[in-house]
Amino acid sequence: MKKISVLTLVFGMLFSFNALASQFCDGFKQGYISGRNQAKGINFTSITPVCPVQPVRGFGDPKSDYEFGYTIGYRTGMYSR
């Protein structure tokens, strides 16, 4: 019985981390597209790079995972080639 509860806890943590990473990555992708379009002066859905590992938040960073990912993606898209 103890093994089952430990496995349930481990799988629950994995799925919750995956959900948070998914929101961050969704925001990153949308931010990258917006930043790249702004920098290039076009309106085109480009191929986005692989979502980075979510960094630790600093003072003044958005509390929402989506907004945090969007901000990082926007900066990355603005300075892409």
PDB file of N, CA and C in Angstrom:
ATOM      1  N   MET A   1       0.824  -1.188   0.000  1.00  0.00           N
ATOM      2  CA  MET A   1       0.000   0.000   0.000  1.00  0.00           C
ATOM      3  C   MET A   1       0.869   1.253   0.000  1.00  0.00           C
ATOM      4  N   LYS A   2       1.981   1.191   0.710  1.00  0.00           N
ATOM      5  CA  LYS A   2       2.860   2.342   0.787  1.00  0.00           C
ATOM      6  C   LYS A   2       3.493   2.635  -0.574  1.00  0.00           C
ATOM      7  N   LYS A   3       3.820   1.585  -1.342  1.00  0.00           N
ATOM      8  CA  LYS A   3       4.409   1.773  -2.661  1.00  0.00           C
ATOM      9  C   LYS A   3       3.432   2.453  -3.614  1.00  0.00           C
ATOM     10  N   ILE A   4       2.171   2.096  -3.500  1.00  0.00           N
ATOM     11  CA  ILE A   4       1.168   2.684  -4.383  1.00  0.00           C
ATOM     12  C   ILE A   4       1.036   4.179  -4.116  1.00  0.00           C
ATOM     13  N   SER A   5       1.026   4.583  -2.852  1.00  0.00           N
ATOM     14  CA  SER A   5       0.881   6.001  -2.538  1.00  0.00           C
ATOM     15  C   SER A   5       2.118   6.795  -2.961  1.00  0.00           C
ATOM     16  N   VAL A   6       3.306   6.201  -2.869  1.00  0.00           N
ATOM     17  CA  VAL A   6       4.525   6.871  -3.304  1.00  0.00           C
ATOM     18  C   VAL A   6       4.508   7.040  -4.826  1.00  0.00           C
ATOM     19  N   LEU A   7       4.105   6.004  -5.546  1.00  0.00           N
ATOM     20  CA  LEU A   7       4.013   6.096  -7.008  1.00  0.00           C
ATOM     21  C   LEU A   7       2.979   7.134  -7.434  1.00  0.00           C
ATOM     22  N   THR A   8       1.865   7.184  -6.739  1.00  0.00           N
ATOM     23  CA  THR A   8       0.841   8.172  -7.046  1.00  0.00           C
ATOM     24  C   THR A   8       1.377   9.583  -6.843  1.00  0.00           C
ATOM     25  N   LEU A   9       2.116   9.780  -5.786  1.00  0.00           N
ATOM     26  CA  LEU A   9       2.706  11.089  -5.507  1.00  0.00           C
ATOM     27  C   LEU A   9       3.709  11.481  -6.585  1.00  0.00           C
ATOM     28  N   VAL A  10       4.569  10.547  -6.990  1.00  0.00           N
ATOM     29  CA  VAL A  10       5.578  10.828  -8.009  1.00  0.00           C
ATOM     30  C   VAL A  10       4.919  11.171  -9.341  1.00  0.00           C
ATOM     31  N   PHE A  11       3.939  10.378  -9.772  1.00  0.00           N
ATOM     32  CA  PHE A  11       3.263  10.658 -11.038  1.00  0.00           C
ATOM     33  C   PHE A  11       2.479  11.968 -10.975  1.00  0.00           C
ATOM     34  N   GLY A  12       1.883  12.255  -9.845  1.00  0.00           N
ATOM     35  CA  GLY A  12       1.164  13.518  -9.689  1.00  0.00           C
ATOM     36  C   GLY A  12       2.084  14.712  -9.822  1.00  0.00           C
ATOM     37  N   MET A  13       3.277  14.623  -9.260  1.00  0.00           N
ATOM     38  CA  MET A  13       4.239  15.715  -9.367  1.00  0.00           C
ATOM     39  C   MET A  13       4.722  15.862 -10.804  1.00  0.00           C
ATOM     40  N   LEU A  14       4.970  14.768 -11.492  1.00  0.00           N
ATOM     41  CA  LEU A  14       5.425  14.834 -12.881  1.00  0.00           C
ATOM     42  C   LEU A  14       4.392  15.498 -13.779  1.00  0.00           C
ATOM     43  N   PHE A  15       3.140  15.139 -13.605  1.00  0.00           N
ATOM     44  CA  PHE A  15       2.102  15.723 -14.450  1.00  0.00           C
ATOM     45  C   PHE A  15       1.861  17.184 -14.121  1.00  0.00           C
ATOM     46  N   SER A  16       1.993  17.578 -12.868  1.00  0.00           N
ATOM     47  CA  SER A  16       1.789  18.984 -12.531  1.00  0.00           C
ATOM     48  C   SER A  16       2.932  19.832 -13.061  1.00  0.00           C
ATOM     49  N   PHE A  17       4.175  19.341 -13.022  1.00  0.00           N
ATOM     50  CA  PHE A  17       5.298  20.072 -13.589  1.00  0.00           C
ATOM     51  C   PHE A  17       5.150  20.182 -15.098  1.00  0.00           C
ATOM     52  N   ASN A  18       4.642  19.143 -15.737  1.00  0.00           N
ATOM     53  CA  ASN A  18       4.430  19.159 -17.171  1.00  0.00           C
ATOM     54  C   ASN A  18       3.392  20.216 -17.547  1.00  0.00           C
ATOM     55  N   ALA A  19       2.349  20.353 -16.753  1.00  0.00           N
ATOM     56  CA  ALA A  19       1.321  21.363 -17.025  1.00  0.00           C
ATOM     57  C   ALA A  19       1.902  22.764 -16.915  1.00  0.00           C
ATOM     58  N   LEU A  20       2.745  23.011 -15.921  1.00  0.00           N
ATOM     59  CA  LEU A  20       3.362  24.319 -15.775  1.00  0.00           C
ATOM     60  C   LEU A  20       4.314  24.607 -16.926  1.00  0.00           C
ATOM     61  N   ALA A  21       5.088  23.618 -17.320  1.00  0.00           N
ATOM     62  CA  ALA A  21       6.010  23.801 -18.437  1.00  0.00           C
ATOM     63  C   ALA A  21       5.230  24.041 -19.719  1.00  0.00           C
ATOM     64  N   SER A  22       4.084  23.419 -19.856  1.00  0.00           N
ATOM     65  CA  SER A  22       3.279  23.597 -21.051  1.00  0.00           C
ATOM     66  C   SER A  22       2.797  25.036 -21.163  1.00  0.00           C
ATOM     67  N   GLN A  23       2.341  25.640 -20.072  1.00  0.00           N
ATOM     68  CA  GLN A  23       1.898  27.037 -20.095  1.00  0.00           C
ATOM     69  C   GLN A  23       3.063  27.959 -20.423  1.00  0.00           C
ATOM     70  N   PHE A  24       4.208  27.705 -19.835  1.00  0.00           N
ATOM     71  CA  PHE A  24       5.393  28.510 -20.100  1.00  0.00           C
ATOM     72  C   PHE A  24       5.785  28.394 -21.569  1.00  0.00           C
ATOM     73  N   CYS A  25       5.803  27.183 -22.100  1.00  0.00           N
ATOM     74  CA  CYS A  25       6.196  26.968 -23.504  1.00  0.00           C
ATOM     75  C   CYS A  25       5.182  27.555 -24.479  1.00  0.00           C
ATOM     76  N   ASP A  26       3.897  27.475 -24.156  1.00  0.00           N
ATOM     77  CA  ASP A  26       2.890  28.096 -25.014  1.00  0.00           C
ATOM     78  C   ASP A  26       3.114  29.605 -25.078  1.00  0.00           C
ATOM     79  N   GLY A  27       3.385  30.213 -23.933  1.00  0.00           N
ATOM     80  CA  GLY A  27       3.671  31.643 -23.898  1.00  0.00           C
ATOM     81  C   GLY A  27       4.948  31.982 -24.645  1.00  0.00           C
ATOM     82  N   PHE A  28       5.967  31.135 -24.500  1.00  0.00           N
ATOM     83  CA  PHE A  28       7.234  31.358 -25.195  1.00  0.00           C
ATOM     84  C   PHE A  28       7.031  31.355 -26.708  1.00  0.00           C
ATOM     85  N   LYS A  29       6.280  30.382 -27.204  1.00  0.00           N
ATOM     86  CA  LYS A  29       6.049  30.279 -28.656  1.00  0.00           C
ATOM     87  C   LYS A  29       5.316  31.503 -29.190  1.00  0.00           C
ATOM     88  N   GLN A  30       4.255  31.915 -28.503  1.00  0.00           N
ATOM     89  CA  GLN A  30       3.498  33.087 -28.959  1.00  0.00           C
ATOM     90  C   GLN A  30       4.336  34.360 -28.862  1.00  0.00           C
ATOM     91  N   GLY A  31       5.114  34.486 -27.792  1.00  0.00           N
ATOM     92  CA  GLY A  31       5.981  35.647 -27.639  1.00  0.00           C
ATOM     93  C   GLY A  31       7.063  35.694 -28.699  1.00  0.00           C
ATOM     94  N   TYR A  32       7.632  34.540 -29.021  1.00  0.00           N
ATOM     95  CA  TYR A  32       8.672  34.486 -30.050  1.00  0.00           C
ATOM     96  C   TYR A  32       8.118  34.940 -31.404  1.00  0.00           C
ATOM     97  N   ILE A  33       6.949  34.451 -31.756  1.00  0.00           N
ATOM     98  CA  ILE A  33       6.336  34.820 -33.036  1.00  0.00           C
ATOM     99  C   ILE A  33       6.051  36.327 -33.065  1.00  0.00           C
ATOM    100  N   SER A  34       5.508  36.856 -31.976  1.00  0.00           N
ATOM    101  CA  SER A  34       5.208  38.296 -31.924  1.00  0.00           C
ATOM    102  C   SER A  34       6.479  39.133 -32.003  1.00  0.00           C
ATOM    103  N   GLY A  35       7.498  38.735 -31.261  1.00  0.00           N
ATOM    104  CA  GLY A  35       8.760  39.476 -31.278  1.00  0.00           C
ATOM    105  C   GLY A  35       9.445  39.431 -32.626  1.00  0.00           C
ATOM    106  N   ARG A  36       9.437  38.286 -33.251  1.00  0.00           N
ATOM    107  CA  ARG A  36      10.070  38.153 -34.573  1.00  0.00           C
ATOM    108  C   ARG A  36       9.318  38.966 -35.620  1.00  0.00           C
ATOM    109  N   ASN A  37       7.996  38.914 -35.569  1.00  0.00           N
ATOM    110  CA  ASN A  37       7.195  39.701 -36.511  1.00  0.00           C
ATOM    111  C   ASN A  37       7.427  41.194 -36.299  1.00  0.00           C
ATOM    112  N   GLN A  38       7.521  41.614 -35.066  1.00  0.00           N
ATOM    113  CA  GLN A  38       7.769  43.026 -34.764  1.00  0.00           C
ATOM    114  C   GLN A  38       9.143  43.453 -35.280  1.00  0.00           C
ATOM    115  N   ALA A  39      10.140  42.631 -35.079  1.00  0.00           N
ATOM    116  CA  ALA A  39      11.502  42.977 -35.501  1.00  0.00           C
ATOM    117  C   ALA A  39      11.645  42.978 -37.020  1.00  0.00           C
ATOM    118  N   LYS A  40      10.993  42.037 -37.677  1.00  0.00           N
ATOM    119  CA  LYS A  40      11.124  41.911 -39.133  1.00  0.00           C
ATOM    120  C   LYS A  40      10.116  42.763 -39.894  1.00  0.00           C
ATOM    121  N   GLY A  41       9.088  43.245 -39.214  1.00  0.00           N
ATOM    122  CA  GLY A  41       8.069  44.046 -39.871  1.00  0.00           C
ATOM    123  C   GLY A  41       7.144  43.240 -40.756  1.00  0.00           C
ATOM    124  N   ILE A  42       6.950  41.981 -40.412  1.00  0.00           N
ATOM    125  CA  ILE A  42       6.071  41.114 -41.198  1.00  0.00           C
ATOM    126  C   ILE A  42       5.047  40.474 -40.278  1.00  0.00           C
ATOM    127  N   ASN A  43       4.041  39.869 -40.862  1.00  0.00           N
ATOM    128  CA  ASN A  43       3.049  39.129 -40.093  1.00  0.00           C
ATOM    129  C   ASN A  43       3.071  37.695 -40.594  1.00  0.00           C
ATOM    130  N   PHE A  44       3.939  36.902 -40.022  1.00  0.00           N
ATOM    131  CA  PHE A  44       4.173  35.548 -40.498  1.00  0.00           C
ATOM    132  C   PHE A  44       4.376  34.630 -39.306  1.00  0.00           C
ATOM    133  N   THR A  45       3.743  33.484 -39.312  1.00  0.00           N
ATOM    134  CA  THR A  45       3.941  32.495 -38.260  1.00  0.00           C
ATOM    135  C   THR A  45       5.181  31.693 -38.600  1.00  0.00           C
ATOM    136  N   SER A  46       6.262  31.941 -37.870  1.00  0.00           N
ATOM    137  CA  SER A  46       7.524  31.274 -38.162  1.00  0.00           C
ATOM    138  C   SER A  46       7.702  30.030 -37.287  1.00  0.00           C
ATOM    139  N   ILE A  47       8.694  29.275 -37.616  1.00  0.00           N
ATOM    140  CA  ILE A  47       9.040  28.107 -36.809  1.00  0.00           C
ATOM    141  C   ILE A  47       9.735  28.602 -35.557  1.00  0.00           C
ATOM    142  N   THR A  48       9.285  28.138 -34.423  1.00  0.00           N
ATOM    143  CA  THR A  48       9.856  28.585 -33.154  1.00  0.00           C
ATOM    144  C   THR A  48      10.953  27.640 -32.702  1.00  0.00           C
ATOM    145  N   PRO A  49      11.935  28.151 -31.989  1.00  0.00           N
ATOM    146  CA  PRO A  49      12.965  27.266 -31.442  1.00  0.00           C
ATOM    147  C   PRO A  49      12.399  26.429 -30.299  1.00  0.00           C
ATOM    148  N   VAL A  50      13.168  25.482 -29.853  1.00  0.00           N
ATOM    149  CA  VAL A  50      12.767  24.629 -28.746  1.00  0.00           C
ATOM    150  C   VAL A  50      12.612  25.487 -27.494  1.00  0.00           C
ATOM    151  N   CYS A  51      11.581  25.233 -26.768  1.00  0.00           N
ATOM    152  CA  CYS A  51      11.303  25.978 -25.543  1.00  0.00           C
ATOM    153  C   CYS A  51      12.432  25.753 -24.530  1.00  0.00           C
ATOM    154  N   PRO A  52      12.983  26.827 -23.959  1.00  0.00           N
ATOM    155  CA  PRO A  52      14.056  26.654 -22.983  1.00  0.00           C
ATOM    156  C   PRO A  52      13.509  26.177 -21.639  1.00  0.00           C
ATOM    157  N   VAL A  53      14.401  25.793 -20.782  1.00  0.00           N
ATOM    158  CA  VAL A  53      14.020  25.435 -19.418  1.00  0.00           C
ATOM    159  C   VAL A  53      13.566  26.709 -18.730  1.00  0.00           C
ATOM    160  N   GLN A  54      12.488  26.621 -17.992  1.00  0.00           N
ATOM    161  CA  GLN A  54      11.945  27.807 -17.341  1.00  0.00           C
ATOM    162  C   GLN A  54      12.919  28.322 -16.288  1.00  0.00           C
ATOM    163  N   PRO A  55      13.397  29.561 -16.454  1.00  0.00           N
ATOM    164  CA  PRO A  55      14.342  30.104 -15.479  1.00  0.00           C
ATOM    165  C   PRO A  55      13.646  30.495 -14.184  1.00  0.00           C
ATOM    166  N   VAL A  56      14.444  30.749 -13.172  1.00  0.00           N
ATOM    167  CA  VAL A  56      13.919  31.203 -11.893  1.00  0.00           C
ATOM    168  C   VAL A  56      13.470  32.647 -12.061  1.00  0.00           C
ATOM    169  N   ARG A  57      12.342  32.973 -11.496  1.00  0.00           N
ATOM    170  CA  ARG A  57      11.814  34.329 -11.635  1.00  0.00           C
ATOM    171  C   ARG A  57      12.568  35.312 -10.770  1.00  0.00           C
ATOM    172  N   GLY A  58      12.721  36.479 -11.310  1.00  0.00           N
ATOM    173  CA  GLY A  58      13.362  37.553 -10.574  1.00  0.00           C
ATOM    174  C   GLY A  58      12.324  38.544 -10.079  1.00  0.00           C
ATOM    175  N   PHE A  59      12.784  39.572  -9.445  1.00  0.00           N
ATOM    176  CA  PHE A  59      11.904  40.612  -8.941  1.00  0.00           C
ATOM    177  C   PHE A  59      11.279  41.354 -10.121  1.00  0.00           C
ATOM    178  N   GLY A  60       9.966  41.495 -10.131  1.00  0.00           N
ATOM    179  CA  GLY A  60       9.286  42.206 -11.195  1.00  0.00           C
ATOM    180  C   GLY A  60       8.847  41.335 -12.362  1.00  0.00           C
ATOM    181  N   ASP A  61       9.168  40.044 -12.348  1.00  0.00           N
ATOM    182  CA  ASP A  61       8.724  39.146 -13.413  1.00  0.00           C
ATOM    183  C   ASP A  61       7.250  38.821 -13.233  1.00  0.00           C
ATOM    184  N   PRO A  62       6.538  38.533 -14.327  1.00  0.00           N
ATOM    185  CA  PRO A  62       5.112  38.190 -14.218  1.00  0.00           C
ATOM    186  C   PRO A  62       4.897  36.933 -13.381  1.00  0.00           C
ATOM    187  N   LYS A  63       3.786  36.877 -12.705  1.00  0.00           N
ATOM    188  CA  LYS A  63       3.474  35.714 -11.863  1.00  0.00           C
ATOM    189  C   LYS A  63       2.905  34.555 -12.674  1.00  0.00           C
ATOM    190  N   SER A  64       2.273  34.853 -13.783  1.00  0.00           N
ATOM    191  CA  SER A  64       1.695  33.823 -14.641  1.00  0.00           C
ATOM    192  C   SER A  64       2.799  33.142 -15.449  1.00  0.00           C
ATOM    193  N   ASP A  65       2.742  31.818 -15.548  1.00  0.00           N
ATOM    194  CA  ASP A  65       3.734  31.083 -16.336  1.00  0.00           C
ATOM    195  C   ASP A  65       3.641  31.446 -17.811  1.00  0.00           C
ATOM    196  N   TYR A  66       2.412  31.638 -18.305  1.00  0.00           N
ATOM    197  CA  TYR A  66       2.229  31.998 -19.713  1.00  0.00           C
ATOM    198  C   TYR A  66       2.859  33.359 -19.995  1.00  0.00           C
ATOM    199  N   GLU A  67       2.581  34.343 -19.154  1.00  0.00           N
ATOM    200  CA  GLU A  67       3.135  35.687 -19.361  1.00  0.00           C
ATOM    201  C   GLU A  67       4.652  35.691 -19.243  1.00  0.00           C
ATOM    202  N   PHE A  68       5.178  34.912 -18.315  1.00  0.00           N
ATOM    203  CA  PHE A  68       6.624  34.813 -18.132  1.00  0.00           C
ATOM    204  C   PHE A  68       7.269  34.219 -19.383  1.00  0.00           C
ATOM    205  N   GLY A  69       6.675  33.164 -19.923  1.00  0.00           N
ATOM    206  CA  GLY A  69       7.177  32.562 -21.158  1.00  0.00           C
ATOM    207  C   GLY A  69       7.039  33.501 -22.337  1.00  0.00           C
ATOM    208  N   TYR A  70       5.933  34.247 -22.395  1.00  0.00           N
ATOM    209  CA  TYR A  70       5.714  35.196 -23.482  1.00  0.00           C
ATOM    210  C   TYR A  70       6.797  36.274 -23.476  1.00  0.00           C
ATOM    211  N   THR A  71       7.108  36.789 -22.304  1.00  0.00           N
ATOM    212  CA  THR A  71       8.122  37.836 -22.180  1.00  0.00           C
ATOM    213  C   THR A  71       9.483  37.348 -22.666  1.00  0.00           C
ATOM    214  N   ILE A  72       9.862  36.160 -22.251  1.00  0.00           N
ATOM    215  CA  ILE A  72      11.155  35.603 -22.656  1.00  0.00           C
ATOM    216  C   ILE A  72      11.152  35.293 -24.161  1.00  0.00           C
ATOM    217  N   GLY A  73      10.045  34.748 -24.665  1.00  0.00           N
ATOM    218  CA  GLY A  73       9.938  34.460 -26.091  1.00  0.00           C
ATOM    219  C   GLY A  73       9.957  35.718 -26.934  1.00  0.00           C
ATOM    220  N   TYR A  74       9.320  36.772 -26.465  1.00  0.00           N
ATOM    221  CA  TYR A  74       9.298  38.035 -27.200  1.00  0.00           C
ATOM    222  C   TYR A  74      10.710  38.603 -27.331  1.00  0.00           C
ATOM    223  N   ARG A  75      11.441  38.602 -26.227  1.00  0.00           N
ATOM    224  CA  ARG A  75      12.833  39.093 -26.268  1.00  0.00           C
ATOM    225  C   ARG A  75      13.682  38.246 -27.205  1.00  0.00           C
ATOM    226  N   THR A  76      13.508  36.943 -27.151  1.00  0.00           N
ATOM    227  CA  THR A  76      14.280  36.049 -28.013  1.00  0.00           C
ATOM    228  C   THR A  76      13.930  36.288 -29.483  1.00  0.00           C
ATOM    229  N   GLY A  77      12.656  36.465 -29.781  1.00  0.00           N
ATOM    230  CA  GLY A  77      12.245  36.721 -31.153  1.00  0.00           C
ATOM    231  C   GLY A  77      12.718  38.047 -31.694  1.00  0.00           C
ATOM    232  N   MET A  78      12.770  39.066 -30.839  1.00  0.00           N
ATOM    233  CA  MET A  78      13.228  40.389 -31.271  1.00  0.00           C
ATOM    234  C   MET A  78      14.696  40.363 -31.696  1.00  0.00           C
ATOM    235  N   TYR A  79      15.494  39.544 -31.018  1.00  0.00           N
ATOM    236  CA  TYR A  79      16.927  39.528 -31.288  1.00  0.00           C
ATOM    237  C   TYR A  79      17.378  38.336 -32.121  1.00  0.00           C
ATOM    238  N   SER A  80      16.411  37.622 -32.732  1.00  0.00           N
ATOM    239  CA  SER A  80      16.794  36.485 -33.588  1.00  0.00           C
ATOM    240  C   SER A  80      17.218  36.997 -34.953  1.00  0.00           C
ATOM    241  N   ARG A  81      17.919  36.205 -35.675  1.00  0.00           N
ATOM    242  CA  ARG A  81      18.418  36.597 -37.003  1.00  0.00           C
ATOM    243  C   ARG A  81      17.355  36.573 -38.023  1.00  0.00           C
TER     244      ARG A  81
END
